[in-house]
mmCIF file of all heavy atoms, coordinates in Angstrom:
data_MODEL
# 
_entry.id   MODEL 
# 
loop_
_atom_site.group_PDB 
_atom_site.id 
_atom_site.type_symbol 
_atom_site.label_atom_id 
_atom_site.label_alt_id 
_atom_site.label_comp_id 
_atom_site.label_asym_id 
_atom_site.label_entity_id 
_atom_site.label_seq_id 
_atom_site.pdbx_PDB_ins_code 
_atom_site.Cartn_x 
_atom_site.Cartn_y 
_atom_site.Cartn_z 
_atom_site.occupancy 
_atom_site.B_iso_or_equiv 
_atom_site.pdbx_formal_charge 
_atom_site.auth_seq_id 
_atom_site.auth_comp_id 
_atom_site.auth_asym_id 
_atom_site.auth_atom_id 
_atom_site.pdbx_PDB_model_num 
ATOM 1   N N   . ASP A 1 1  ? 119.380 12.623 82.489 1.00 0.00 ? 1  ASP A N   1 
ATOM 2   C CA  . ASP A 1 1  ? 119.962 11.416 82.996 1.00 0.00 ? 1  ASP A CA  1 
ATOM 3   C C   . ASP A 1 1  ? 119.345 10.953 84.416 1.00 0.00 ? 1  ASP A C   1 
ATOM 4   O O   . ASP A 1 1  ? 119.174 9.777  84.613 1.00 0.00 ? 1  ASP A O   1 
ATOM 5   C CB  . ASP A 1 1  ? 121.444 11.509 83.179 1.00 0.00 ? 1  ASP A CB  1 
ATOM 6   C CG  . ASP A 1 1  ? 122.162 11.861 81.863 1.00 0.00 ? 1  ASP A CG  1 
ATOM 7   O OD1 . ASP A 1 1  ? 121.584 11.613 80.816 1.00 0.00 ? 1  ASP A OD1 1 
ATOM 8   O OD2 . ASP A 1 1  ? 123.245 12.459 81.927 1.00 0.00 ? 1  ASP A OD2 1 
ATOM 9   N N   . ILE A 1 2  ? 118.984 11.948 85.179 1.00 0.00 ? 2  ILE A N   1 
ATOM 10  C CA  . ILE A 1 2  ? 118.543 11.686 86.581 1.00 0.00 ? 2  ILE A CA  1 
ATOM 11  C C   . ILE A 1 2  ? 117.079 12.040 86.585 1.00 0.00 ? 2  ILE A C   1 
ATOM 12  O O   . ILE A 1 2  ? 116.666 13.147 86.259 1.00 0.00 ? 2  ILE A O   1 
ATOM 13  C CB  . ILE A 1 2  ? 119.320 12.475 87.620 1.00 0.00 ? 2  ILE A CB  1 
ATOM 14  C CG1 . ILE A 1 2  ? 120.873 12.109 87.439 1.00 0.00 ? 2  ILE A CG1 1 
ATOM 15  C CG2 . ILE A 1 2  ? 118.854 12.202 89.016 1.00 0.00 ? 2  ILE A CG2 1 
ATOM 16  C CD1 . ILE A 1 2  ? 121.707 13.054 88.253 1.00 0.00 ? 2  ILE A CD1 1 
ATOM 17  N N   . GLY A 1 3  ? 116.240 11.171 87.126 1.00 0.00 ? 3  GLY A N   1 
ATOM 18  C CA  . GLY A 1 3  ? 114.827 11.466 87.174 1.00 0.00 ? 3  GLY A CA  1 
ATOM 19  C C   . GLY A 1 3  ? 114.199 11.452 85.759 1.00 0.00 ? 3  GLY A C   1 
ATOM 20  O O   . GLY A 1 3  ? 113.651 12.455 85.345 1.00 0.00 ? 3  GLY A O   1 
ATOM 21  N N   . MET A 1 4  ? 114.276 10.325 85.093 1.00 0.00 ? 4  MET A N   1 
ATOM 22  C CA  . MET A 1 4  ? 113.911 10.279 83.668 1.00 0.00 ? 4  MET A CA  1 
ATOM 23  C C   . MET A 1 4  ? 112.334 10.521 83.500 1.00 0.00 ? 4  MET A C   1 
ATOM 24  O O   . MET A 1 4  ? 111.964 10.868 82.373 1.00 0.00 ? 4  MET A O   1 
ATOM 25  C CB  . MET A 1 4  ? 114.218 8.884  83.138 1.00 0.00 ? 4  MET A CB  1 
ATOM 26  C CG  . MET A 1 4  ? 115.726 8.656  83.009 1.00 0.00 ? 4  MET A CG  1 
ATOM 27  S SD  . MET A 1 4  ? 116.476 9.762  81.795 1.00 0.00 ? 4  MET A SD  1 
ATOM 28  C CE  . MET A 1 4  ? 115.857 9.173  80.312 1.00 0.00 ? 4  MET A CE  1 
ATOM 29  N N   . GLY A 1 5  ? 111.529 10.401 84.527 1.00 0.00 ? 5  GLY A N   1 
ATOM 30  C CA  . GLY A 1 5  ? 110.101 10.633 84.377 1.00 0.00 ? 5  GLY A CA  1 
ATOM 31  C C   . GLY A 1 5  ? 109.736 12.088 84.391 1.00 0.00 ? 5  GLY A C   1 
ATOM 32  O O   . GLY A 1 5  ? 108.481 12.398 84.256 1.00 0.00 ? 5  GLY A O   1 
ATOM 33  N N   . MET A 1 6  ? 110.657 12.914 84.557 1.00 0.00 ? 6  MET A N   1 
ATOM 34  C CA  . MET A 1 6  ? 110.348 14.376 84.723 1.00 0.00 ? 6  MET A CA  1 
ATOM 35  C C   . MET A 1 6  ? 110.777 15.167 83.478 1.00 0.00 ? 6  MET A C   1 
ATOM 36  O O   . MET A 1 6  ? 111.895 15.009 82.945 1.00 0.00 ? 6  MET A O   1 
ATOM 37  C CB  . MET A 1 6  ? 111.185 14.871 85.973 1.00 0.00 ? 6  MET A CB  1 
ATOM 38  C CG  . MET A 1 6  ? 110.659 16.191 86.518 1.00 0.00 ? 6  MET A CG  1 
ATOM 39  S SD  . MET A 1 6  ? 111.524 16.571 88.103 1.00 0.00 ? 6  MET A SD  1 
ATOM 40  C CE  . MET A 1 6  ? 110.630 15.516 89.233 1.00 0.00 ? 6  MET A CE  1 
ATOM 41  N N   . ASP A 1 7  ? 109.836 16.076 83.012 1.00 0.00 ? 7  ASP A N   1 
ATOM 42  C CA  . ASP A 1 7  ? 110.164 16.842 81.847 1.00 0.00 ? 7  ASP A CA  1 
ATOM 43  C C   . ASP A 1 7  ? 110.870 18.089 82.364 1.00 0.00 ? 7  ASP A C   1 
ATOM 44  O O   . ASP A 1 7  ? 110.177 19.186 82.591 1.00 0.00 ? 7  ASP A O   1 
ATOM 45  C CB  . ASP A 1 7  ? 108.854 17.161 81.129 1.00 0.00 ? 7  ASP A CB  1 
ATOM 46  C CG  . ASP A 1 7  ? 109.090 17.870 79.768 1.00 0.00 ? 7  ASP A CG  1 
ATOM 47  O OD1 . ASP A 1 7  ? 110.221 18.385 79.613 1.00 0.00 ? 7  ASP A OD1 1 
ATOM 48  O OD2 . ASP A 1 7  ? 108.167 17.949 78.964 1.00 0.00 ? 7  ASP A OD2 1 
ATOM 49  N N   . VAL A 1 8  ? 112.109 18.037 82.464 1.00 0.00 ? 8  VAL A N   1 
ATOM 50  C CA  . VAL A 1 8  ? 112.930 19.149 83.034 1.00 0.00 ? 8  VAL A CA  1 
ATOM 51  C C   . VAL A 1 8  ? 112.827 20.421 82.192 1.00 0.00 ? 8  VAL A C   1 
ATOM 52  O O   . VAL A 1 8  ? 112.748 21.501 82.692 1.00 0.00 ? 8  VAL A O   1 
ATOM 53  C CB  . VAL A 1 8  ? 114.384 18.687 83.267 1.00 0.00 ? 8  VAL A CB  1 
ATOM 54  C CG1 . VAL A 1 8  ? 115.187 19.870 83.903 1.00 0.00 ? 8  VAL A CG1 1 
ATOM 55  C CG2 . VAL A 1 8  ? 114.401 17.529 84.201 1.00 0.00 ? 8  VAL A CG2 1 
ATOM 56  N N   . GLU A 1 9  ? 112.840 20.223 80.933 1.00 0.00 ? 9  GLU A N   1 
ATOM 57  C CA  . GLU A 1 9  ? 112.839 21.404 80.065 1.00 0.00 ? 9  GLU A CA  1 
ATOM 58  C C   . GLU A 1 9  ? 111.492 22.134 80.213 1.00 0.00 ? 9  GLU A C   1 
ATOM 59  O O   . GLU A 1 9  ? 111.492 23.443 80.316 1.00 0.00 ? 9  GLU A O   1 
ATOM 60  C CB  . GLU A 1 9  ? 112.930 20.971 78.552 1.00 0.00 ? 9  GLU A CB  1 
ATOM 61  C CG  . GLU A 1 9  ? 114.300 20.476 78.142 1.00 0.00 ? 9  GLU A CG  1 
ATOM 62  C CD  . GLU A 1 9  ? 114.601 19.041 78.579 1.00 0.00 ? 9  GLU A CD  1 
ATOM 63  O OE1 . GLU A 1 9  ? 113.665 18.356 79.067 1.00 0.00 ? 9  GLU A OE1 1 
ATOM 64  O OE2 . GLU A 1 9  ? 115.733 18.560 78.425 1.00 0.00 ? 9  GLU A OE2 1 
ATOM 65  N N   . ALA A 1 10 ? 110.331 21.429 80.371 1.00 0.00 ? 10 ALA A N   1 
ATOM 66  C CA  . ALA A 1 10 ? 109.089 22.143 80.581 1.00 0.00 ? 10 ALA A CA  1 
ATOM 67  C C   . ALA A 1 10 ? 109.026 22.758 81.908 1.00 0.00 ? 10 ALA A C   1 
ATOM 68  O O   . ALA A 1 10 ? 108.542 23.898 82.088 1.00 0.00 ? 10 ALA A O   1 
ATOM 69  C CB  . ALA A 1 10 ? 107.939 21.129 80.477 1.00 0.00 ? 10 ALA A CB  1 
ATOM 70  N N   . LEU A 1 11 ? 109.680 22.164 82.920 1.00 0.00 ? 11 LEU A N   1 
ATOM 71  C CA  . LEU A 1 11 ? 109.739 22.721 84.318 1.00 0.00 ? 11 LEU A CA  1 
ATOM 72  C C   . LEU A 1 11 ? 110.571 24.019 84.296 1.00 0.00 ? 11 LEU A C   1 
ATOM 73  O O   . LEU A 1 11 ? 110.253 25.016 84.973 1.00 0.00 ? 11 LEU A O   1 
ATOM 74  C CB  . LEU A 1 11 ? 110.275 21.758 85.313 1.00 0.00 ? 11 LEU A CB  1 
ATOM 75  C CG  . LEU A 1 11 ? 109.351 20.524 85.582 1.00 0.00 ? 11 LEU A CG  1 
ATOM 76  C CD1 . LEU A 1 11 ? 110.164 19.449 86.299 1.00 0.00 ? 11 LEU A CD1 1 
ATOM 77  C CD2 . LEU A 1 11 ? 108.157 21.015 86.428 1.00 0.00 ? 11 LEU A CD2 1 
ATOM 78  N N   . ARG A 1 12 ? 111.618 24.019 83.459 1.00 0.00 ? 12 ARG A N   1 
ATOM 79  C CA  . ARG A 1 12 ? 112.409 25.176 83.370 1.00 0.00 ? 12 ARG A CA  1 
ATOM 80  C C   . ARG A 1 12 ? 111.693 26.328 82.657 1.00 0.00 ? 12 ARG A C   1 
ATOM 81  O O   . ARG A 1 12 ? 111.860 27.522 83.101 1.00 0.00 ? 12 ARG A O   1 
ATOM 82  C CB  . ARG A 1 12 ? 113.801 24.835 82.693 1.00 0.00 ? 12 ARG A CB  1 
ATOM 83  C CG  . ARG A 1 12 ? 114.672 24.001 83.635 1.00 0.00 ? 12 ARG A CG  1 
ATOM 84  C CD  . ARG A 1 12 ? 115.888 23.487 82.913 1.00 0.00 ? 12 ARG A CD  1 
ATOM 85  N NE  . ARG A 1 12 ? 116.802 24.631 82.605 1.00 0.00 ? 12 ARG A NE  1 
ATOM 86  C CZ  . ARG A 1 12 ? 117.714 25.105 83.503 1.00 0.00 ? 12 ARG A CZ  1 
ATOM 87  N NH1 . ARG A 1 12 ? 117.689 24.687 84.745 1.00 0.00 ? 12 ARG A NH1 1 
ATOM 88  N NH2 . ARG A 1 12 ? 118.517 26.110 83.122 1.00 0.00 ? 12 ARG A NH2 1 
ATOM 89  N N   . ARG A 1 13 ? 110.937 26.005 81.688 1.00 0.00 ? 13 ARG A N   1 
ATOM 90  C CA  . ARG A 1 13 ? 110.199 27.032 80.953 1.00 0.00 ? 13 ARG A CA  1 
ATOM 91  C C   . ARG A 1 13 ? 109.154 27.656 81.922 1.00 0.00 ? 13 ARG A C   1 
ATOM 92  O O   . ARG A 1 13 ? 108.831 28.842 81.833 1.00 0.00 ? 13 ARG A O   1 
ATOM 93  C CB  . ARG A 1 13 ? 109.441 26.444 79.701 1.00 0.00 ? 13 ARG A CB  1 
ATOM 94  C CG  . ARG A 1 13 ? 110.456 26.128 78.568 1.00 0.00 ? 13 ARG A CG  1 
ATOM 95  C CD  . ARG A 1 13 ? 109.650 25.866 77.311 1.00 0.00 ? 13 ARG A CD  1 
ATOM 96  N NE  . ARG A 1 13 ? 108.770 24.701 77.393 1.00 0.00 ? 13 ARG A NE  1 
ATOM 97  C CZ  . ARG A 1 13 ? 109.130 23.487 77.123 1.00 0.00 ? 13 ARG A CZ  1 
ATOM 98  N NH1 . ARG A 1 13 ? 110.402 23.214 76.750 1.00 0.00 ? 13 ARG A NH1 1 
ATOM 99  N NH2 . ARG A 1 13 ? 108.227 22.535 77.230 1.00 0.00 ? 13 ARG A NH2 1 
ATOM 100 N N   . ASP A 1 14 ? 108.738 26.880 82.928 1.00 0.00 ? 14 ASP A N   1 
ATOM 101 C CA  . ASP A 1 14 ? 107.738 27.366 83.890 1.00 0.00 ? 14 ASP A CA  1 
ATOM 102 C C   . ASP A 1 14 ? 108.419 28.062 85.111 1.00 0.00 ? 14 ASP A C   1 
ATOM 103 O O   . ASP A 1 14 ? 107.756 28.436 86.021 1.00 0.00 ? 14 ASP A O   1 
ATOM 104 C CB  . ASP A 1 14 ? 106.929 26.149 84.370 1.00 0.00 ? 14 ASP A CB  1 
ATOM 105 C CG  . ASP A 1 14 ? 105.754 26.617 85.213 1.00 0.00 ? 14 ASP A CG  1 
ATOM 106 O OD1 . ASP A 1 14 ? 105.013 27.511 84.818 1.00 0.00 ? 14 ASP A OD1 1 
ATOM 107 O OD2 . ASP A 1 14 ? 105.633 26.112 86.356 1.00 0.00 ? 14 ASP A OD2 1 
ATOM 108 N N   . THR A 1 15 ? 109.731 28.194 85.005 1.00 0.00 ? 15 THR A N   1 
ATOM 109 C CA  . THR A 1 15 ? 110.493 28.738 86.061 1.00 0.00 ? 15 THR A CA  1 
ATOM 110 C C   . THR A 1 15 ? 111.343 29.933 85.587 1.00 0.00 ? 15 THR A C   1 
ATOM 111 O O   . THR A 1 15 ? 112.481 29.764 85.075 1.00 0.00 ? 15 THR A O   1 
ATOM 112 C CB  . THR A 1 15 ? 111.469 27.727 86.755 1.00 0.00 ? 15 THR A CB  1 
ATOM 113 O OG1 . THR A 1 15 ? 110.688 26.579 87.138 1.00 0.00 ? 15 THR A OG1 1 
ATOM 114 C CG2 . THR A 1 15 ? 112.172 28.299 87.955 1.00 0.00 ? 15 THR A CG2 1 
ATOM 115 N N   . PRO A 1 16 ? 110.839 31.151 85.649 1.00 0.00 ? 16 PRO A N   1 
ATOM 116 C CA  . PRO A 1 16 ? 111.522 32.268 85.034 1.00 0.00 ? 16 PRO A CA  1 
ATOM 117 C C   . PRO A 1 16 ? 112.953 32.437 85.386 1.00 0.00 ? 16 PRO A C   1 
ATOM 118 O O   . PRO A 1 16 ? 113.817 32.821 84.591 1.00 0.00 ? 16 PRO A O   1 
ATOM 119 C CB  . PRO A 1 16 ? 110.625 33.442 85.432 1.00 0.00 ? 16 PRO A CB  1 
ATOM 120 C CG  . PRO A 1 16 ? 109.317 32.905 85.696 1.00 0.00 ? 16 PRO A CG  1 
ATOM 121 C CD  . PRO A 1 16 ? 109.547 31.484 86.269 1.00 0.00 ? 16 PRO A CD  1 
ATOM 122 N N   . GLY A 1 17 ? 113.256 32.190 86.621 1.00 0.00 ? 17 GLY A N   1 
ATOM 123 C CA  . GLY A 1 17 ? 114.648 32.418 87.116 1.00 0.00 ? 17 GLY A CA  1 
ATOM 124 C C   . GLY A 1 17 ? 115.716 31.640 86.443 1.00 0.00 ? 17 GLY A C   1 
ATOM 125 O O   . GLY A 1 17 ? 116.887 31.970 86.493 1.00 0.00 ? 17 GLY A O   1 
ATOM 126 N N   . THR A 1 18 ? 115.354 30.475 85.869 1.00 0.00 ? 18 THR A N   1 
ATOM 127 C CA  . THR A 1 18 ? 116.321 29.651 85.220 1.00 0.00 ? 18 THR A CA  1 
ATOM 128 C C   . THR A 1 18 ? 116.888 30.284 83.975 1.00 0.00 ? 18 THR A C   1 
ATOM 129 O O   . THR A 1 18 ? 117.995 29.807 83.516 1.00 0.00 ? 18 THR A O   1 
ATOM 130 C CB  . THR A 1 18 ? 115.788 28.271 84.897 1.00 0.00 ? 18 THR A CB  1 
ATOM 131 O OG1 . THR A 1 18 ? 114.704 28.426 83.963 1.00 0.00 ? 18 THR A OG1 1 
ATOM 132 C CG2 . THR A 1 18 ? 115.273 27.521 86.128 1.00 0.00 ? 18 THR A CG2 1 
ATOM 133 N N   . ALA A 1 19 ? 116.243 31.252 83.390 1.00 0.00 ? 19 ALA A N   1 
ATOM 134 C CA  . ALA A 1 19 ? 116.759 31.971 82.273 1.00 0.00 ? 19 ALA A CA  1 
ATOM 135 C C   . ALA A 1 19 ? 117.890 32.912 82.591 1.00 0.00 ? 19 ALA A C   1 
ATOM 136 O O   . ALA A 1 19 ? 118.675 33.303 81.685 1.00 0.00 ? 19 ALA A O   1 
ATOM 137 C CB  . ALA A 1 19 ? 115.668 32.746 81.566 1.00 0.00 ? 19 ALA A CB  1 
ATOM 138 N N   . ASN A 1 20 ? 118.015 33.315 83.855 1.00 0.00 ? 20 ASN A N   1 
ATOM 139 C CA  . ASN A 1 20 ? 118.950 34.317 84.235 1.00 0.00 ? 20 ASN A CA  1 
ATOM 140 C C   . ASN A 1 20 ? 120.185 33.842 84.984 1.00 0.00 ? 20 ASN A C   1 
ATOM 141 O O   . ASN A 1 20 ? 121.267 34.409 84.896 1.00 0.00 ? 20 ASN A O   1 
ATOM 142 C CB  . ASN A 1 20 ? 118.306 35.376 85.107 1.00 0.00 ? 20 ASN A CB  1 
ATOM 143 C CG  . ASN A 1 20 ? 117.057 35.888 84.501 1.00 0.00 ? 20 ASN A CG  1 
ATOM 144 O OD1 . ASN A 1 20 ? 117.050 36.280 83.326 1.00 0.00 ? 20 ASN A OD1 1 
ATOM 145 N ND2 . ASN A 1 20 ? 115.917 35.950 85.224 1.00 0.00 ? 20 ASN A ND2 1 
ATOM 146 N N   . ARG A 1 21 ? 120.035 32.758 85.744 1.00 0.00 ? 21 ARG A N   1 
ATOM 147 C CA  . ARG A 1 21 ? 121.109 32.319 86.620 1.00 0.00 ? 21 ARG A CA  1 
ATOM 148 C C   . ARG A 1 21 ? 121.054 30.775 86.652 1.00 0.00 ? 21 ARG A C   1 
ATOM 149 O O   . ARG A 1 21 ? 120.106 30.123 86.383 1.00 0.00 ? 21 ARG A O   1 
ATOM 150 C CB  . ARG A 1 21 ? 120.879 32.800 88.073 1.00 0.00 ? 21 ARG A CB  1 
ATOM 151 C CG  . ARG A 1 21 ? 120.635 34.300 88.209 1.00 0.00 ? 21 ARG A CG  1 
ATOM 152 C CD  . ARG A 1 21 ? 121.894 35.086 88.103 1.00 0.00 ? 21 ARG A CD  1 
ATOM 153 N NE  . ARG A 1 21 ? 122.707 34.914 89.368 1.00 0.00 ? 21 ARG A NE  1 
ATOM 154 C CZ  . ARG A 1 21 ? 123.846 35.619 89.593 1.00 0.00 ? 21 ARG A CZ  1 
ATOM 155 N NH1 . ARG A 1 21 ? 124.254 36.467 88.651 1.00 0.00 ? 21 ARG A NH1 1 
ATOM 156 N NH2 . ARG A 1 21 ? 124.598 35.370 90.617 1.00 0.00 ? 21 ARG A NH2 1 
ATOM 157 N N   . MET A 1 22 ? 122.216 30.248 87.114 1.00 0.00 ? 22 MET A N   1 
ATOM 158 C CA  . MET A 1 22 ? 122.231 28.848 87.554 1.00 0.00 ? 22 MET A CA  1 
ATOM 159 C C   . MET A 1 22 ? 121.963 28.854 89.060 1.00 0.00 ? 22 MET A C   1 
ATOM 160 O O   . MET A 1 22 ? 122.783 29.291 89.857 1.00 0.00 ? 22 MET A O   1 
ATOM 161 C CB  . MET A 1 22 ? 123.639 28.219 87.249 1.00 0.00 ? 22 MET A CB  1 
ATOM 162 C CG  . MET A 1 22 ? 123.730 27.655 85.834 1.00 0.00 ? 22 MET A CG  1 
ATOM 163 S SD  . MET A 1 22 ? 125.328 26.904 85.597 1.00 0.00 ? 22 MET A SD  1 
ATOM 164 C CE  . MET A 1 22 ? 126.356 28.381 85.412 1.00 0.00 ? 22 MET A CE  1 
ATOM 165 N N   . HIS A 1 23 ? 120.811 28.434 89.435 1.00 0.00 ? 23 HIS A N   1 
ATOM 166 C CA  . HIS A 1 23 ? 120.396 28.559 90.877 1.00 0.00 ? 23 HIS A CA  1 
ATOM 167 C C   . HIS A 1 23 ? 120.651 27.300 91.595 1.00 0.00 ? 23 HIS A C   1 
ATOM 168 O O   . HIS A 1 23 ? 119.967 26.320 91.575 1.00 0.00 ? 23 HIS A O   1 
ATOM 169 C CB  . HIS A 1 23 ? 118.886 28.855 90.921 1.00 0.00 ? 23 HIS A CB  1 
ATOM 170 C CG  . HIS A 1 23 ? 118.460 29.293 92.266 1.00 0.00 ? 23 HIS A CG  1 
ATOM 171 N ND1 . HIS A 1 23 ? 118.832 30.427 92.835 1.00 0.00 ? 23 HIS A ND1 1 
ATOM 172 C CD2 . HIS A 1 23 ? 117.682 28.633 93.176 1.00 0.00 ? 23 HIS A CD2 1 
ATOM 173 C CE1 . HIS A 1 23 ? 118.290 30.558 94.064 1.00 0.00 ? 23 HIS A CE1 1 
ATOM 174 N NE2 . HIS A 1 23 ? 117.637 29.436 94.293 1.00 0.00 ? 23 HIS A NE2 1 
ATOM 175 N N   . LEU A 1 24 ? 121.764 27.329 92.347 1.00 0.00 ? 24 LEU A N   1 
ATOM 176 C CA  . LEU A 1 24 ? 122.215 26.257 93.213 1.00 0.00 ? 24 LEU A CA  1 
ATOM 177 C C   . LEU A 1 24 ? 122.110 26.709 94.653 1.00 0.00 ? 24 LEU A C   1 
ATOM 178 O O   . LEU A 1 24 ? 123.015 26.451 95.408 1.00 0.00 ? 24 LEU A O   1 
ATOM 179 C CB  . LEU A 1 24 ? 123.618 25.802 92.850 1.00 0.00 ? 24 LEU A CB  1 
ATOM 180 C CG  . LEU A 1 24 ? 123.846 25.290 91.427 1.00 0.00 ? 24 LEU A CG  1 
ATOM 181 C CD1 . LEU A 1 24 ? 125.302 24.893 91.201 1.00 0.00 ? 24 LEU A CD1 1 
ATOM 182 C CD2 . LEU A 1 24 ? 122.860 24.152 91.090 1.00 0.00 ? 24 LEU A CD2 1 
# 
């Protein structure tokens, strides 16, 4: 919904830590 020009799913696949935690 926010930042529609960004492929968030691809960025998350390229960020190993997102698989383990919600990093806030």
